[in-house]
Amino acid sequence: KIVVAGNVGVENLTADLGTIGITHFVLKTDYDLNMISNSVINLNAINVSFASTEKAKNAIAVNGKVDLSNMEPSILNVVSDGIDLTPLMKWVQTLASTEPGEKIVETEETVAENEVKTEVAAVESHKLELPIKDFTGKVTIKSIYANSIQVKDIDTTLSIKNENVALDTGAIQVVCSNETAAIQAKAQFNLNDFSAGVSYDVSGIEAGLINELLTVIGMQDMQLEKGSIAVKGDASASENLSVFGLKTQANVKDLKVAHQNEMPAVSLEANLDVNANIKQELLKVNIVSAKGLLGEKPFLVADLTKPMVVSWGGKTPEGVEDSALKVVLDVNLTDWRALLQDEDASGTINGDIALSVGDSGKNVALESKIALASVMTAGLTASGDLQTKGSLVQTDKDTAFEGLFKAENLNVVNDSLEVKDFSTSTEYQIVMTPDVLDIKKMDISWAPTERAKNQVSITGNIAYADLKEKPSRVSVVSESMDFTPLLSWLKSSTNTNEAVVAPAETEV
């Protein structure tokens, strides 16, 4: 038997770390534990405390027992009457505003090493086994304070029973400005078949709490007058990660920016229900719906007429009806200035997207139109029309793609790019078999000039299934191409960058 007991602490710590200032910080830890037969650890008492405040004593008590031999259940309890994190929040805000650390540059050797580690981890993941077979951990905290936010009634449980792991947060209350939000989440995971499930329910997030969170992340200039957010749903995976499901509902109601009477309240309702079975090669989209309102005017509408089924295997499910997804976008940026925090925002964005699926995904058609009219926001000016029209037809022998993409009268200007009156189009017909990608037609064109028509035609076939043994052929034909307008984009970008970074000296 080994007994370890004692205490360690810091009192009246004052330090200037450049970006962080620490004044009269106090931290104390008392511990009493023992180990029996190198397999049982008794945590008789571990008490951690730091400088108390008017709101909380800032004391945490930990006790329990860890049995690595799995002869008896392991238990861990974490208890506190109250914790005030407000002094620490200033450190977090300061750290969030500092520049990120130096990036790690990966060489070819480190990339290869990481790839090997990933492969090993993937193999070893099938052997996942926890050293403790029976464990119950509980965290019970009456209140956690952070600035004006109070998190109440924390009663969270983590349990392990052989291969089953479960987490239950319990019903947690978040109080701010006399408003109370409720948060609850549950999760389960099975180590044998890698099945997992997560459910969540967040409700009652009102303007006061949102404003406090905006302040914490440095967006205190944007505050809400009213509004609420709620989200709930669940996600699941089973049968060795071959079956997936996702359901979620979100409701944003009457978000109103403070002191901005010219902007109406924003509301959004969204609902999604999707599941997939990899073994059966089947995807089913049961529900896709969204409706966004700016005042009484819709800015986003999305609706799935019937459940959409896509099968990429040989067998087509019976009794499946054709389905269509329609999305309509209508945004006037002038109305969104307060939320965008951009007094110069203007212009309109209008879009229509229609996706139809028939014969369980064997016939797919997509058509979209997006119009940008004098869009100006965040230093970017844009206008033009974008159009897409395409289809996919799958048979037992091949899959055929056919379609058209157009961009007309495209203008994009910002500090480093200048595109003026640009138009381009791509028309294609492609057939893919199990062995060959047959490019029957791919015609690319852009705005002609006095010197060139700017048209390119690509045809050919690629034996992607056996590139070494079977020949491939690609033909690119053009009468003439003039890249001068495109080079002017690069030139404007280069000139802008040169104003910031001095060019390197070069000898010829």
Protein backbone atom coordinates (compact mmCIF):
# COMPACT_ATOMS: atom_id res chain seq x y z
CA LYS A 1 0.00 0.00 0.00
CA ILE A 2 1.36 3.38 -1.01
CA VAL A 3 -0.05 6.52 0.65
CA VAL A 4 0.32 9.97 -0.90
CA ALA A 5 -0.90 13.05 0.95
CA GLY A 6 -0.04 16.71 1.09
CA ASN A 7 -0.80 20.11 -0.31
CA VAL A 8 0.56 22.55 -2.85
CA GLY A 9 -0.47 26.10 -3.62
CA VAL A 10 0.24 29.55 -4.91
CA GLU A 11 -0.70 32.74 -3.04
CA ASN A 12 -0.84 36.38 -4.17
CA LEU A 13 0.67 35.59 -7.57
CA THR A 14 1.17 38.76 -9.60
CA ALA A 15 2.70 38.60 -13.06
CA ASP A 16 2.84 40.60 -16.28
CA LEU A 17 3.01 38.20 -19.22
CA GLY A 18 2.78 40.85 -21.90
CA THR A 19 -0.70 40.14 -23.23
CA ILE A 20 -1.99 38.82 -19.88
CA GLY A 21 -1.83 40.48 -16.49
CA ILE A 22 -2.27 38.37 -13.34
CA THR A 23 -2.93 40.07 -10.01
CA HIS A 24 -3.10 38.44 -6.55
CA PHE A 25 -3.98 34.99 -7.92
CA VAL A 26 -4.48 32.20 -5.36
CA LEU A 27 -4.57 28.44 -6.00
CA LYS A 28 -4.52 25.69 -3.34
CA THR A 29 -4.65 21.90 -3.63
CA ASP A 30 -4.93 19.31 -0.82
CA TYR A 31 -4.69 15.63 -1.72
CA ASP A 32 -5.01 12.30 0.07
CA LEU A 33 -4.84 9.08 -1.94
CA ASN A 34 -3.42 5.58 -1.73
CA MET A 35 -2.60 2.73 -4.10
CA ILE A 36 -3.14 -0.96 -3.34
CA SER A 37 -1.47 -3.78 -5.31
CA ASN A 38 -0.68 -1.47 -8.23
CA SER A 39 -4.26 -1.82 -9.44
CA VAL A 40 -6.55 0.02 -7.01
CA ILE A 41 -6.27 3.77 -6.44
CA ASN A 42 -8.36 5.26 -3.65
CA LEU A 43 -8.94 8.98 -4.10
CA ASN A 44 -9.88 9.76 -0.52
CA ALA A 45 -9.89 13.50 -1.10
CA ILE A 46 -8.57 15.97 -3.63
CA ASN A 47 -9.62 19.53 -2.85
CA VAL A 48 -8.83 22.34 -5.27
CA SER A 49 -9.63 25.98 -4.55
CA PHE A 50 -8.74 29.35 -5.99
CA ALA A 51 -9.47 32.93 -4.94
CA SER A 52 -13.09 33.21 -3.84
CA THR A 53 -15.41 35.96 -5.06
CA GLU A 54 -18.70 37.44 -3.89
CA LYS A 55 -20.52 34.92 -6.08
CA ALA A 56 -18.69 31.67 -5.28
CA LYS A 57 -16.23 30.01 -2.91
CA ASN A 58 -14.40 28.47 -5.90
CA ALA A 59 -13.79 25.14 -4.19
CA ILE A 60 -13.89 21.76 -5.94
CA ALA A 61 -13.88 18.39 -4.14
CA VAL A 62 -12.91 15.16 -5.90
CA ASN A 63 -13.16 11.64 -4.45
CA GLY A 64 -13.60 8.11 -5.68
CA LYS A 65 -11.94 4.85 -6.52
CA VAL A 66 -10.25 3.48 -9.64
CA ASP A 67 -9.90 -0.30 -9.93
CA LEU A 68 -7.73 -1.26 -12.91
CA SER A 69 -8.20 -4.95 -12.10
CA ASN A 70 -11.95 -4.55 -12.75
CA MET A 71 -12.76 -6.63 -9.68
CA GLU A 72 -14.94 -3.82 -8.33
CA PRO A 73 -16.67 -0.82 -9.94
CA SER A 74 -14.71 2.41 -10.33
CA ILE A 75 -16.28 5.66 -9.12
CA LEU A 76 -15.32 9.31 -9.46
CA ASN A 77 -17.24 12.25 -7.97
CA VAL A 78 -16.60 15.93 -8.64
CA VAL A 79 -18.61 18.29 -6.42
CA SER A 80 -18.73 22.07 -6.03
CA ASP A 81 -21.17 24.57 -4.55
CA GLY A 82 -20.06 27.27 -6.94
CA ILE A 83 -17.30 28.35 -9.33
CA ASP A 84 -16.78 31.91 -10.56
CA LEU A 85 -14.80 31.99 -13.81
CA THR A 86 -15.23 35.74 -14.37
CA PRO A 87 -11.59 36.63 -13.50
CA LEU A 88 -10.35 33.89 -15.83
CA MET A 89 -12.61 35.11 -18.67
CA LYS A 90 -10.41 38.18 -19.05
CA TRP A 91 -7.45 35.92 -19.74
CA VAL A 92 -9.46 33.97 -22.32
CA GLN A 93 -10.57 37.15 -24.09
CA THR A 94 -6.99 38.42 -24.18
CA LEU A 95 -5.66 35.15 -25.57
CA ALA A 96 -8.40 35.09 -28.22
CA SER A 97 -7.31 38.50 -29.48
CA THR A 98 -3.62 37.59 -29.84
CA GLU A 99 -2.06 36.46 -33.09
CA PRO A 100 -1.97 32.68 -33.70
CA GLY A 101 1.28 30.85 -33.21
CA GLU A 102 3.72 29.94 -35.91
CA LYS A 103 2.37 27.41 -38.38
CA ILE A 104 4.03 24.03 -38.64
CA VAL A 105 5.46 23.47 -42.09
CA GLU A 106 5.17 19.86 -43.18
CA THR A 107 7.98 18.37 -45.19
CA GLU A 108 7.55 15.33 -47.41
CA GLU A 109 9.02 13.22 -44.60
CA THR A 110 6.55 14.46 -41.96
CA VAL A 111 3.61 14.07 -44.35
CA ALA A 112 4.64 10.47 -45.06
CA GLU A 113 5.12 9.85 -41.34
CA ASN A 114 1.67 11.26 -40.56
CA GLU A 115 0.11 9.09 -43.28
CA VAL A 116 1.71 6.00 -41.75
CA LYS A 117 0.46 6.98 -38.30
CA THR A 118 -3.04 7.48 -39.72
CA GLU A 119 -3.00 4.03 -41.32
CA VAL A 120 -1.80 2.41 -38.09
CA ALA A 121 -4.44 4.27 -36.09
CA ALA A 122 -7.13 3.10 -38.52
CA VAL A 123 -6.06 -0.53 -38.08
CA GLU A 124 -5.77 -0.26 -34.32
CA SER A 125 -9.17 1.44 -34.05
CA HIS A 126 -10.78 -1.98 -34.60
CA LYS A 127 -9.10 -3.14 -31.39
CA LEU A 128 -10.51 -0.35 -29.21
CA GLU A 129 -10.77 -1.50 -25.61
CA LEU A 130 -10.90 0.50 -22.38
CA PRO A 131 -8.80 -0.55 -19.36
CA ILE A 132 -11.76 0.08 -17.02
CA LYS A 133 -14.87 -2.05 -17.60
CA ASP A 134 -17.20 -0.64 -14.94
CA PHE A 135 -17.03 3.09 -14.21
CA THR A 136 -19.42 5.80 -13.05
CA GLY A 137 -18.35 9.42 -12.94
CA LYS A 138 -20.54 12.25 -11.70
CA VAL A 139 -20.02 15.99 -11.86
CA THR A 140 -22.32 17.94 -9.55
CA ILE A 141 -21.93 21.72 -9.50
CA LYS A 142 -24.64 24.03 -8.21
CA SER A 143 -23.51 27.10 -10.16
CA ILE A 144 -20.79 28.28 -12.53
CA TYR A 145 -20.48 32.03 -13.10
CA ALA A 146 -18.88 33.74 -16.08
CA ASN A 147 -19.40 37.50 -16.23
CA SER A 148 -23.20 37.90 -16.08
CA ILE A 149 -23.89 34.29 -17.11
CA GLN A 150 -24.86 31.70 -14.49
CA VAL A 151 -24.94 27.98 -15.33
CA LYS A 152 -27.09 26.16 -12.77
CA ASP A 153 -27.87 22.62 -11.66
CA ILE A 154 -25.06 20.76 -13.40
CA ASP A 155 -25.55 17.04 -12.78
CA THR A 156 -23.63 15.16 -15.47
CA THR A 157 -22.96 11.43 -15.51
CA LEU A 158 -20.43 9.41 -17.51
CA SER A 159 -20.79 5.63 -17.31
CA ILE A 160 -18.85 2.69 -18.74
CA LYS A 161 -20.29 -0.82 -18.72
CA ASN A 162 -17.97 -3.16 -20.61
CA GLU A 163 -18.17 -1.98 -24.25
CA ASN A 164 -20.93 0.59 -23.67
CA VAL A 165 -20.12 4.22 -22.91
CA ALA A 166 -22.86 6.73 -22.05
CA LEU A 167 -22.92 10.45 -21.22
CA ASP A 168 -25.90 12.34 -19.83
CA THR A 169 -25.55 16.05 -19.11
CA GLY A 170 -28.86 16.22 -17.29
CA ALA A 171 -31.03 19.32 -17.50
CA ILE A 172 -28.71 22.35 -17.28
CA GLN A 173 -30.03 25.88 -16.85
CA VAL A 174 -28.22 28.96 -18.17
CA VAL A 175 -29.38 32.25 -16.64
CA CYS A 176 -28.53 35.73 -17.94
CA SER A 177 -30.39 39.04 -17.65
CA ASN A 178 -33.41 37.34 -16.03
CA GLU A 179 -33.61 34.94 -18.98
CA THR A 180 -33.24 31.17 -18.60
CA ALA A 181 -32.06 28.78 -21.29
CA ALA A 182 -32.24 25.00 -21.00
CA ILE A 183 -29.59 22.61 -22.33
CA GLN A 184 -29.71 18.83 -22.31
CA ALA A 185 -27.67 16.26 -24.23
CA LYS A 186 -27.18 12.50 -24.20
CA ALA A 187 -24.64 10.33 -26.00
CA GLN A 188 -24.03 6.58 -26.26
CA PHE A 189 -21.17 4.68 -27.89
CA ASN A 190 -20.52 0.96 -28.32
CA LEU A 191 -16.89 -0.09 -28.69
CA ASN A 192 -17.70 -3.40 -30.41
CA ASP A 193 -19.77 -2.35 -33.40
CA PHE A 194 -18.93 1.38 -33.22
CA SER A 195 -22.62 2.27 -32.97
CA ALA A 196 -23.23 5.72 -31.55
CA GLY A 197 -26.07 8.06 -30.81
CA VAL A 198 -26.31 11.69 -29.77
CA SER A 199 -29.40 13.69 -28.86
CA TYR A 200 -29.52 17.37 -27.95
CA ASP A 201 -32.10 19.96 -26.99
CA VAL A 202 -31.25 23.64 -26.52
CA SER A 203 -34.07 26.09 -25.91
CA GLY A 204 -34.72 29.54 -24.51
CA ILE A 205 -31.54 31.24 -25.72
CA GLU A 206 -32.71 34.86 -25.57
CA ALA A 207 -31.16 38.21 -26.51
CA GLY A 208 -29.49 38.80 -23.12
CA LEU A 209 -27.48 35.57 -23.28
CA ILE A 210 -26.64 36.08 -26.95
CA ASN A 211 -25.36 39.60 -26.22
CA GLU A 212 -23.12 38.32 -23.43
CA LEU A 213 -21.68 35.62 -25.70
CA LEU A 214 -21.09 38.20 -28.45
CA THR A 215 -19.17 40.31 -25.93
CA VAL A 216 -17.01 37.35 -24.88
CA ILE A 217 -15.92 36.73 -28.50
CA GLY A 218 -15.19 40.41 -29.10
CA MET A 219 -18.38 41.40 -30.95
CA GLN A 220 -19.72 43.74 -28.30
CA ASP A 221 -20.48 46.37 -30.95
CA MET A 222 -23.40 44.25 -32.16
CA GLN A 223 -26.09 43.74 -29.54
CA LEU A 224 -29.62 42.41 -29.89
CA GLU A 225 -32.77 44.12 -28.75
CA LYS A 226 -34.78 40.89 -28.77
CA GLY A 227 -34.85 37.41 -30.25
CA SER A 228 -34.47 33.75 -29.36
CA ILE A 229 -32.75 30.61 -30.68
CA ALA A 230 -33.70 26.96 -30.18
CA VAL A 231 -32.27 23.79 -31.69
CA LYS A 232 -32.88 20.10 -31.10
CA GLY A 233 -32.23 16.82 -32.84
CA ASP A 234 -30.31 13.58 -32.85
CA ALA A 235 -27.63 11.79 -34.83
CA SER A 236 -26.83 8.09 -34.97
CA ALA A 237 -24.41 5.60 -36.50
CA SER A 238 -24.61 1.82 -36.37
CA GLU A 239 -23.52 -1.47 -37.97
CA ASN A 240 -19.81 -0.64 -37.96
CA LEU A 241 -20.39 2.89 -39.22
CA SER A 242 -22.36 1.76 -42.27
CA VAL A 243 -25.75 3.18 -41.27
CA PHE A 244 -26.19 6.87 -40.44
CA GLY A 245 -29.08 9.09 -39.43
CA LEU A 246 -29.44 12.80 -38.76
CA LYS A 247 -32.46 14.78 -37.60
CA THR A 248 -32.32 18.41 -36.54
CA GLN A 249 -34.70 21.31 -36.09
CA ALA A 250 -33.63 24.93 -35.65
CA ASN A 251 -35.76 27.94 -34.85
CA VAL A 252 -34.48 31.52 -34.85
CA LYS A 253 -37.29 33.87 -33.86
CA ASP A 254 -37.49 37.66 -34.14
CA LEU A 255 -33.79 38.53 -33.89
CA LYS A 256 -33.67 42.32 -33.75
CA VAL A 257 -30.45 44.34 -33.67
CA ALA A 258 -30.52 47.03 -30.98
CA HIS A 259 -30.77 50.70 -32.02
CA GLN A 260 -31.44 49.75 -35.67
CA ASN A 261 -35.10 50.50 -36.25
CA GLU A 262 -34.72 50.44 -40.04
CA MET A 263 -33.92 46.70 -40.02
CA PRO A 264 -36.88 44.35 -39.36
CA ALA A 265 -36.55 41.29 -37.16
CA VAL A 266 -35.05 38.11 -38.65
CA SER A 267 -36.68 34.70 -38.24
CA LEU A 268 -35.65 31.31 -39.58
CA GLU A 269 -37.16 27.84 -39.29
CA ALA A 270 -35.22 24.84 -40.62
CA ASN A 271 -35.84 21.11 -40.52
CA LEU A 272 -33.62 18.28 -41.80
CA ASP A 273 -34.08 14.50 -41.71
CA VAL A 274 -31.55 12.32 -43.57
CA ASN A 275 -30.42 8.71 -43.30
CA ALA A 276 -28.00 6.55 -45.28
CA ASN A 277 -27.10 2.88 -45.53
CA ILE A 278 -23.68 2.32 -47.07
CA LYS A 279 -24.07 -1.46 -47.36
CA GLN A 280 -27.39 -1.12 -49.17
CA GLU A 281 -25.96 1.79 -51.20
CA LEU A 282 -28.96 3.90 -50.29
CA LEU A 283 -29.48 7.54 -49.26
CA LYS A 284 -32.87 8.82 -48.16
CA VAL A 285 -33.62 12.48 -47.57
CA ASN A 286 -36.93 12.54 -45.72
CA ILE A 287 -37.26 16.24 -44.91
CA VAL A 288 -35.55 19.40 -46.10
CA SER A 289 -37.36 22.60 -45.30
CA ALA A 290 -36.33 26.13 -44.47
CA LYS A 291 -38.12 29.45 -44.33
CA GLY A 292 -36.39 32.70 -43.49
CA LEU A 293 -38.21 35.98 -42.96
CA LEU A 294 -36.98 39.55 -42.73
CA GLY A 295 -39.99 41.11 -41.10
CA GLU A 296 -42.82 39.66 -43.19
CA LYS A 297 -40.74 39.26 -46.37
CA PRO A 298 -39.23 35.83 -47.17
CA PHE A 299 -35.51 35.89 -47.97
CA LEU A 300 -35.04 32.09 -48.08
CA VAL A 301 -37.48 29.30 -48.89
CA ALA A 302 -36.45 25.65 -49.32
CA ASP A 303 -38.85 22.75 -49.67
CA LEU A 304 -38.63 19.07 -50.56
CA THR A 305 -41.86 17.94 -52.23
CA LYS A 306 -41.51 14.25 -51.25
CA PRO A 307 -38.84 12.08 -49.63
CA MET A 308 -35.84 11.88 -51.95
CA VAL A 309 -34.24 8.46 -52.45
CA VAL A 310 -30.88 7.97 -54.13
CA SER A 311 -29.57 4.46 -54.79
CA TRP A 312 -26.10 4.05 -56.30
CA GLY A 313 -26.22 0.24 -56.27
CA GLY A 314 -27.59 -2.21 -58.80
CA LYS A 315 -30.91 -2.78 -57.02
CA THR A 316 -33.57 -0.06 -57.17
CA PRO A 317 -35.99 0.15 -54.21
CA GLU A 318 -39.65 -0.42 -55.01
CA GLY A 319 -42.45 2.09 -54.55
CA VAL A 320 -40.20 5.16 -54.60
CA GLU A 321 -41.76 8.31 -56.02
CA ASP A 322 -39.97 11.10 -57.86
CA SER A 323 -38.98 14.08 -55.74
CA ALA A 324 -37.91 17.68 -56.19
CA LEU A 325 -36.08 20.18 -54.01
CA LYS A 326 -36.69 23.86 -54.66
CA VAL A 327 -34.74 26.73 -53.13
CA VAL A 328 -35.55 30.43 -53.58
CA LEU A 329 -33.24 33.21 -52.37
CA ASP A 330 -34.19 36.90 -52.29
CA VAL A 331 -31.81 39.17 -50.39
CA ASN A 332 -31.50 42.95 -50.47
CA LEU A 333 -28.26 43.74 -48.64
CA THR A 334 -29.44 47.25 -47.79
CA ASP A 335 -31.93 45.65 -45.40
CA TRP A 336 -29.15 43.66 -43.72
CA ARG A 337 -26.71 46.47 -42.92
CA ALA A 338 -27.26 46.31 -39.17
CA LEU A 339 -26.64 42.56 -38.94
CA LEU A 340 -23.69 42.70 -41.36
CA GLN A 341 -22.22 45.64 -39.43
CA ASP A 342 -21.64 47.33 -42.80
CA GLU A 343 -23.24 50.73 -43.42
CA ASP A 344 -22.29 50.58 -47.12
CA ALA A 345 -23.84 47.18 -47.86
CA SER A 346 -26.18 47.33 -50.86
CA GLY A 347 -27.36 45.40 -53.90
CA THR A 348 -29.52 42.32 -54.34
CA ILE A 349 -28.92 38.57 -54.56
CA ASN A 350 -31.69 36.53 -56.18
CA GLY A 351 -31.53 32.81 -56.82
CA ASP A 352 -33.65 29.87 -57.89
CA ILE A 353 -32.41 26.29 -57.55
CA ALA A 354 -34.40 23.24 -58.64
CA LEU A 355 -33.16 19.68 -58.10
CA SER A 356 -35.31 16.77 -59.26
CA VAL A 357 -34.59 13.09 -58.62
CA GLY A 358 -36.37 10.21 -60.33
CA ASP A 359 -36.04 6.45 -60.49
CA SER A 360 -34.20 6.35 -57.13
CA GLY A 361 -31.42 8.61 -58.32
CA LYS A 362 -31.02 7.08 -61.76
CA ASN A 363 -32.35 10.31 -63.29
CA VAL A 364 -31.23 13.60 -61.78
CA ALA A 365 -31.75 17.10 -63.13
CA LEU A 366 -30.37 20.35 -61.73
CA GLU A 367 -31.20 23.87 -62.82
CA SER A 368 -30.15 27.06 -61.06
CA LYS A 369 -30.05 30.78 -61.70
CA ILE A 370 -28.33 33.33 -59.48
CA ALA A 371 -28.39 37.06 -60.19
CA LEU A 372 -26.05 39.53 -58.48
CA ALA A 373 -27.12 43.14 -58.94
CA SER A 374 -24.73 45.87 -57.73
CA VAL A 375 -23.71 43.84 -54.68
CA MET A 376 -21.41 45.74 -52.35
CA THR A 377 -20.30 44.53 -48.93
CA ALA A 378 -17.07 44.10 -46.95
CA GLY A 379 -15.06 45.92 -49.62
CA LEU A 380 -16.37 43.66 -52.40
CA THR A 381 -18.41 44.80 -55.39
CA ALA A 382 -20.03 42.17 -57.62
CA SER A 383 -22.65 41.85 -60.34
CA GLY A 384 -23.55 39.32 -62.99
CA ASP A 385 -25.68 36.28 -63.80
CA LEU A 386 -24.78 32.65 -63.10
CA GLN A 387 -26.70 29.77 -64.67
CA THR A 388 -26.39 25.99 -64.37
CA LYS A 389 -28.39 23.32 -66.14
CA GLY A 390 -27.43 19.67 -66.02
CA SER A 391 -28.65 16.09 -65.92
CA LEU A 392 -27.47 12.65 -64.88
CA VAL A 393 -28.88 9.45 -66.38
CA GLN A 394 -27.71 6.11 -65.02
CA THR A 395 -28.28 2.74 -66.72
CA ASP A 396 -26.94 -0.75 -66.14
CA LYS A 397 -24.11 -0.04 -68.58
CA ASP A 398 -23.07 3.55 -67.97
CA THR A 399 -23.73 6.94 -66.40
CA ALA A 400 -24.22 9.95 -68.66
CA PHE A 401 -23.65 13.58 -67.64
CA GLU A 402 -24.89 16.44 -69.77
CA GLY A 403 -25.20 20.11 -69.02
CA LEU A 404 -24.29 23.75 -69.33
CA PHE A 405 -22.74 26.41 -67.11
CA LYS A 406 -22.85 30.12 -67.91
CA ALA A 407 -21.54 33.27 -66.29
CA GLU A 408 -22.59 36.48 -68.02
CA ASN A 409 -21.63 40.11 -67.47
CA LEU A 410 -19.59 39.18 -64.42
CA ASN A 411 -17.97 42.06 -62.54
CA VAL A 412 -15.97 41.50 -59.35
CA VAL A 413 -13.86 44.20 -57.72
CA ASN A 414 -12.04 44.29 -54.39
CA ASP A 415 -8.66 45.43 -53.10
CA SER A 416 -6.74 42.72 -54.97
CA LEU A 417 -8.93 41.70 -57.91
CA GLU A 418 -10.67 43.44 -60.78
CA VAL A 419 -12.89 41.51 -63.21
CA LYS A 420 -14.93 43.56 -65.67
CA ASP A 421 -17.70 42.47 -68.08
CA PHE A 422 -16.52 38.86 -68.19
CA SER A 423 -18.63 36.09 -69.71
CA THR A 424 -17.90 32.38 -70.00
CA SER A 425 -19.74 29.15 -70.71
CA THR A 426 -19.05 25.43 -70.56
CA GLU A 427 -21.16 22.82 -72.33
CA TYR A 428 -20.44 19.14 -71.72
CA GLN A 429 -21.51 15.59 -72.57
CA ILE A 430 -19.66 12.87 -70.65
CA VAL A 431 -20.35 9.14 -70.40
CA MET A 432 -18.72 7.03 -67.69
CA THR A 433 -18.54 3.24 -67.84
CA PRO A 434 -16.87 0.97 -65.26
CA ASP A 435 -13.66 1.20 -67.31
CA VAL A 436 -13.65 4.37 -69.40
CA LEU A 437 -14.48 8.06 -69.04
CA ASP A 438 -15.69 9.17 -72.48
CA ILE A 439 -15.61 12.94 -73.03
CA LYS A 440 -17.93 13.25 -75.99
CA LYS A 441 -18.11 17.02 -75.79
CA MET A 442 -16.66 19.76 -73.61
CA ASP A 443 -16.84 23.18 -75.21
CA ILE A 444 -15.41 26.07 -73.21
CA SER A 445 -15.67 29.67 -74.33
CA TRP A 446 -15.19 33.13 -72.88
CA ALA A 447 -15.64 36.69 -74.08
CA PRO A 448 -14.08 37.04 -77.57
CA THR A 449 -11.64 39.81 -78.41
CA GLU A 450 -10.50 41.40 -81.64
CA ARG A 451 -7.66 38.87 -81.81
CA ALA A 452 -9.38 35.60 -80.87
CA LYS A 453 -12.72 33.81 -80.65
CA ASN A 454 -11.68 32.24 -77.32
CA GLN A 455 -13.27 28.85 -77.91
CA VAL A 456 -11.81 25.50 -76.81
CA SER A 457 -13.16 22.03 -77.66
CA ILE A 458 -12.11 18.97 -75.65
CA THR A 459 -12.90 15.36 -76.58
CA GLY A 460 -11.42 11.96 -75.84
CA ASN A 461 -11.52 9.02 -73.48
CA ILE A 462 -9.59 8.05 -70.35
CA ALA A 463 -9.22 4.40 -69.37
CA TYR A 464 -9.13 5.23 -65.66
CA ALA A 465 -9.62 1.61 -64.56
CA ASP A 466 -6.33 0.51 -66.14
CA LEU A 467 -4.16 3.47 -67.12
CA LYS A 468 -1.04 1.35 -67.54
CA GLU A 469 -2.40 -1.27 -69.96
CA LYS A 470 -5.16 0.52 -71.87
CA PRO A 471 -4.59 3.60 -74.06
CA SER A 472 -6.19 6.96 -73.30
CA ARG A 473 -6.68 9.85 -75.69
CA VAL A 474 -7.59 13.48 -75.10
CA SER A 475 -7.87 16.09 -77.85
CA VAL A 476 -7.83 19.85 -77.18
CA VAL A 477 -8.64 22.01 -80.20
CA SER A 478 -8.88 25.80 -80.51
CA GLU A 479 -8.58 28.24 -83.38
CA SER A 480 -7.23 31.00 -81.14
CA MET A 481 -7.20 32.12 -77.52
CA ASP A 482 -6.52 35.56 -76.05
CA PHE A 483 -5.60 35.53 -72.35
CA THR A 484 -4.89 39.27 -72.16
CA PRO A 485 -8.11 40.14 -70.22
CA LEU A 486 -7.44 37.30 -67.77
CA LEU A 487 -3.84 38.41 -67.24
CA SER A 488 -5.11 41.86 -66.30
CA TRP A 489 -6.81 40.28 -63.28
CA LEU A 490 -3.49 38.82 -62.15
CA LYS A 491 -1.74 42.10 -62.81
CA SER A 492 -4.15 44.06 -60.62
CA SER A 493 -3.75 41.44 -57.89
CA THR A 494 0.06 41.53 -58.16
CA ASN A 495 0.19 45.32 -58.00
CA THR A 496 -1.89 45.33 -54.84
CA ASN A 497 0.31 42.74 -53.19
CA GLU A 498 3.47 44.64 -54.12
CA ALA A 499 2.21 47.59 -52.12
CA VAL A 500 2.32 45.39 -49.04
CA VAL A 501 5.33 43.13 -49.63
CA ALA A 502 8.50 44.44 -51.28
CA PRO A 503 9.58 42.36 -54.29
CA ALA A 504 12.68 40.23 -53.97
CA GLU A 505 15.81 41.32 -55.84
CA THR A 506 16.40 39.32 -59.00
CA GLU A 507 19.40 38.93 -61.29
CA VAL A 508 19.16 37.76 -64.90
